[in-house]
Amino acid sequence: MVRLKIRIEEGIQELVGNHVLVMPIQVKQELQTLSTEKGKNGVAARIALEFLAKNKVKIVSASGESGDQALRELAQKGYIVATNDKDLRQSLKNTPQRVIVVRQSKYVAWA
């Protein structure tokens, strides 16, 4: 969302209506680690962390060492996951919820 300058919160609102944004602690930790880097990834991570604070994203506990593992667990529990990571999307095909992705670098849609 940062690199493409997409207002993801508005797109999600259009797709699912009222919602609460949540993020597993593992993903936040990955962002914090990336935020210390120089270059595009570091800048994107810092902006994402600002987005979390500004939009009061709820940080939740989930098992798993990595962010992807935590997201898969939340999807199994019925959470909707938003990601453009191809491998993660593939691994979420057998979960009860659909996945939200960015299409054509312009808008969010169901995968």
C-alpha atoms as a PDB file:
ATOM      1  CA  MET A   1       0.000   0.000   0.000  1.00  0.00           C
ATOM      2  CA  VAL A   2       2.889   2.343   0.733  1.00  0.00           C
ATOM      3  CA  ARG A   3       4.792   1.842  -2.502  1.00  0.00           C
ATOM      4  CA  LEU A   4       1.661   1.983  -4.650  1.00  0.00           C
ATOM      5  CA  LYS A   5       0.092   4.874  -2.727  1.00  0.00           C
ATOM      6  CA  ILE A   6      -3.185   3.014  -2.302  1.00  0.00           C
ATOM      7  CA  ARG A   7      -5.708   3.962   0.385  1.00  0.00           C
ATOM      8  CA  ILE A   8      -6.150   0.379   1.464  1.00  0.00           C
ATOM      9  CA  GLU A   9      -8.401   1.166   4.414  1.00  0.00           C
ATOM     10  CA  GLU A  10     -10.987   2.678   2.065  1.00  0.00           C
ATOM     11  CA  GLY A  11     -10.801  -0.280  -0.306  1.00  0.00           C
ATOM     12  CA  ILE A  12     -11.269  -2.742   2.534  1.00  0.00           C
ATOM     13  CA  GLN A  13     -14.251  -0.733   3.768  1.00  0.00           C
ATOM     14  CA  GLU A  14     -15.838  -1.064   0.326  1.00  0.00           C
ATOM     15  CA  LEU A  15     -15.252  -4.835   0.260  1.00  0.00           C
ATOM     16  CA  VAL A  16     -16.226  -5.862   3.779  1.00  0.00           C
ATOM     17  CA  GLY A  17     -18.027  -2.917   5.344  1.00  0.00           C
ATOM     18  CA  ASN A  18     -17.373  -2.096   8.978  1.00  0.00           C
ATOM     19  CA  HIS A  19     -14.253  -3.826  10.185  1.00  0.00           C
ATOM     20  CA  VAL A  20     -11.440  -3.749  12.703  1.00  0.00           C
ATOM     21  CA  LEU A  21      -7.910  -3.914  11.339  1.00  0.00           C
ATOM     22  CA  VAL A  22      -5.693  -6.356  13.220  1.00  0.00           C
ATOM     23  CA  MET A  23      -2.110  -7.425  12.790  1.00  0.00           C
ATOM     24  CA  PRO A  24      -0.239 -10.280  14.452  1.00  0.00           C
ATOM     25  CA  ILE A  25       2.609  -9.195  16.677  1.00  0.00           C
ATOM     26  CA  GLN A  26       5.039 -11.145  14.459  1.00  0.00           C
ATOM     27  CA  VAL A  27       4.235  -8.941  11.460  1.00  0.00           C
ATOM     28  CA  LYS A  28       4.678  -5.788  13.526  1.00  0.00           C
ATOM     29  CA  GLN A  29       8.056  -7.084  14.728  1.00  0.00           C
ATOM     30  CA  GLU A  30       9.092  -7.762  11.130  1.00  0.00           C
ATOM     31  CA  LEU A  31       8.112  -4.198  10.214  1.00  0.00           C
ATOM     32  CA  GLN A  32      10.090  -2.832  13.144  1.00  0.00           C
ATOM     33  CA  THR A  33      13.157  -4.753  12.003  1.00  0.00           C
ATOM     34  CA  LEU A  34      12.749  -3.561   8.411  1.00  0.00           C
ATOM     35  CA  SER A  35      12.202   0.029   9.566  1.00  0.00           C
ATOM     36  CA  THR A  36      15.840   0.256  10.684  1.00  0.00           C
ATOM     37  CA  GLU A  37      17.081  -0.376   7.137  1.00  0.00           C
ATOM     38  CA  LYS A  38      17.970   2.294   4.631  1.00  0.00           C
ATOM     39  CA  GLY A  39      16.321   2.423   1.248  1.00  0.00           C
ATOM     40  CA  LYS A  40      12.804   1.749  -0.016  1.00  0.00           C
ATOM     41  CA  ASN A  41      12.057  -1.171   2.299  1.00  0.00           C
ATOM     42  CA  GLY A  42      13.007   0.800   5.397  1.00  0.00           C
ATOM     43  CA  VAL A  43      10.943   3.798   4.330  1.00  0.00           C
ATOM     44  CA  ALA A  44       7.944   1.611   3.489  1.00  0.00           C
ATOM     45  CA  ALA A  45       8.185  -0.151   6.863  1.00  0.00           C
ATOM     46  CA  ARG A  46       8.344   3.158   8.748  1.00  0.00           C
ATOM     47  CA  ILE A  47       5.293   4.455   6.895  1.00  0.00           C
ATOM     48  CA  ALA A  48       3.456   1.186   7.587  1.00  0.00           C
ATOM     49  CA  LEU A  49       4.230   1.542  11.313  1.00  0.00           C
ATOM     50  CA  GLU A  50       2.875   5.095  11.218  1.00  0.00           C
ATOM     51  CA  PHE A  51      -0.269   3.743   9.528  1.00  0.00           C
ATOM     52  CA  LEU A  52      -0.676   1.219  12.358  1.00  0.00           C
ATOM     53  CA  ALA A  53      -0.534   3.939  14.982  1.00  0.00           C
ATOM     54  CA  LYS A  54      -2.699   6.429  13.089  1.00  0.00           C
ATOM     55  CA  ASN A  55      -5.435   3.899  12.318  1.00  0.00           C
ATOM     56  CA  LYS A  56      -5.333   2.213  15.723  1.00  0.00           C
ATOM     57  CA  VAL A  57      -4.646  -1.209  14.244  1.00  0.00           C
ATOM     58  CA  LYS A  58      -5.130  -3.808  16.945  1.00  0.00           C
ATOM     59  CA  ILE A  59      -2.040  -5.956  17.534  1.00  0.00           C
ATOM     60  CA  VAL A  60      -3.023  -9.551  18.332  1.00  0.00           C
ATOM     61  CA  SER A  61      -1.216 -12.639  19.544  1.00  0.00           C
ATOM     62  CA  ALA A  62      -0.864 -15.614  17.242  1.00  0.00           C
ATOM     63  CA  SER A  63       1.333 -18.668  17.306  1.00  0.00           C
ATOM     64  CA  GLY A  64       4.128 -19.141  14.822  1.00  0.00           C
ATOM     65  CA  GLU A  65       7.589 -17.746  14.536  1.00  0.00           C
ATOM     66  CA  SER A  66       7.074 -15.802  11.328  1.00  0.00           C
ATOM     67  CA  GLY A  67       4.500 -13.290  10.219  1.00  0.00           C
ATOM     68  CA  ASP A  68       3.274 -15.643   7.499  1.00  0.00           C
ATOM     69  CA  GLN A  69       2.705 -18.448  10.011  1.00  0.00           C
ATOM     70  CA  ALA A  70       0.775 -16.075  12.273  1.00  0.00           C
ATOM     71  CA  LEU A  71      -1.353 -14.843   9.357  1.00  0.00           C
ATOM     72  CA  ARG A  72      -2.158 -18.430   8.358  1.00  0.00           C
ATOM     73  CA  GLU A  73      -3.291 -19.164  11.923  1.00  0.00           C
ATOM     74  CA  LEU A  74      -5.540 -16.092  11.988  1.00  0.00           C
ATOM     75  CA  ALA A  75      -7.015 -17.049   8.614  1.00  0.00           C
ATOM     76  CA  GLN A  76      -7.847 -20.502  10.004  1.00  0.00           C
ATOM     77  CA  LYS A  77      -9.699 -18.722  12.814  1.00  0.00           C
ATOM     78  CA  GLY A  78     -11.799 -16.790  10.286  1.00  0.00           C
ATOM     79  CA  TYR A  79      -9.856 -13.543   9.912  1.00  0.00           C
ATOM     80  CA  ILE A  80      -9.625 -12.027   6.435  1.00  0.00           C
ATOM     81  CA  VAL A  81      -6.000 -11.591   5.360  1.00  0.00           C
ATOM     82  CA  ALA A  82      -4.833  -8.810   3.043  1.00  0.00           C
ATOM     83  CA  THR A  83      -1.589  -9.635   1.235  1.00  0.00           C
ATOM     84  CA  ASN A  84       0.061  -9.510  -2.157  1.00  0.00           C
ATOM     85  CA  ASP A  85       2.577 -12.209  -1.230  1.00  0.00           C
ATOM     86  CA  LYS A  86       1.996 -14.938  -3.832  1.00  0.00           C
ATOM     87  CA  ASP A  87       3.283 -17.792  -1.667  1.00  0.00           C
ATOM     88  CA  LEU A  88       1.190 -16.691   1.307  1.00  0.00           C
ATOM     89  CA  ARG A  89      -1.919 -16.397  -0.885  1.00  0.00           C
ATOM     90  CA  GLN A  90      -1.353 -19.930  -2.174  1.00  0.00           C
ATOM     91  CA  SER A  91      -1.026 -21.275   1.368  1.00  0.00           C
ATOM     92  CA  LEU A  92      -4.307 -19.580   2.350  1.00  0.00           C
ATOM     93  CA  LYS A  93      -6.388 -21.335  -0.326  1.00  0.00           C
ATOM     94  CA  ASN A  94      -7.683 -23.918   2.174  1.00  0.00           C
ATOM     95  CA  THR A  95      -8.738 -21.438   4.839  1.00  0.00           C
ATOM     96  CA  PRO A  96     -12.335 -20.439   5.548  1.00  0.00           C
ATOM     97  CA  GLN A  97     -11.858 -16.805   4.506  1.00  0.00           C
ATOM     98  CA  ARG A  98     -11.006 -15.173   1.219  1.00  0.00           C
ATOM     99  CA  VAL A  99      -7.904 -13.042   0.732  1.00  0.00           C
ATOM    100  CA  ILE A 100      -7.768  -9.351  -0.160  1.00  0.00           C
ATOM    101  CA  VAL A 101      -5.103  -8.278  -2.669  1.00  0.00           C
ATOM    102  CA  VAL A 102      -4.067  -5.195  -4.625  1.00  0.00           C
ATOM    103  CA  ARG A 103      -5.032  -5.436  -8.299  1.00  0.00           C
ATOM    104  CA  GLN A 104      -3.369  -3.569 -11.179  1.00  0.00           C
ATOM    105  CA  SER A 105      -1.442  -1.489  -8.637  1.00  0.00           C
ATOM    106  CA  LYS A 106      -4.612   0.611  -8.192  1.00  0.00           C
ATOM    107  CA  TYR A 107      -7.287  -0.962  -6.021  1.00  0.00           C
ATOM    108  CA  VAL A 108      -8.022  -3.732  -3.539  1.00  0.00           C
ATOM    109  CA  ALA A 109     -10.101  -6.754  -4.517  1.00  0.00           C
ATOM    110  CA  TRP A 110     -10.811 -10.336  -3.529  1.00  0.00           C
ATOM    111  CA  ALA A 111      -8.200 -12.834  -4.713  1.00  0.00           C
END
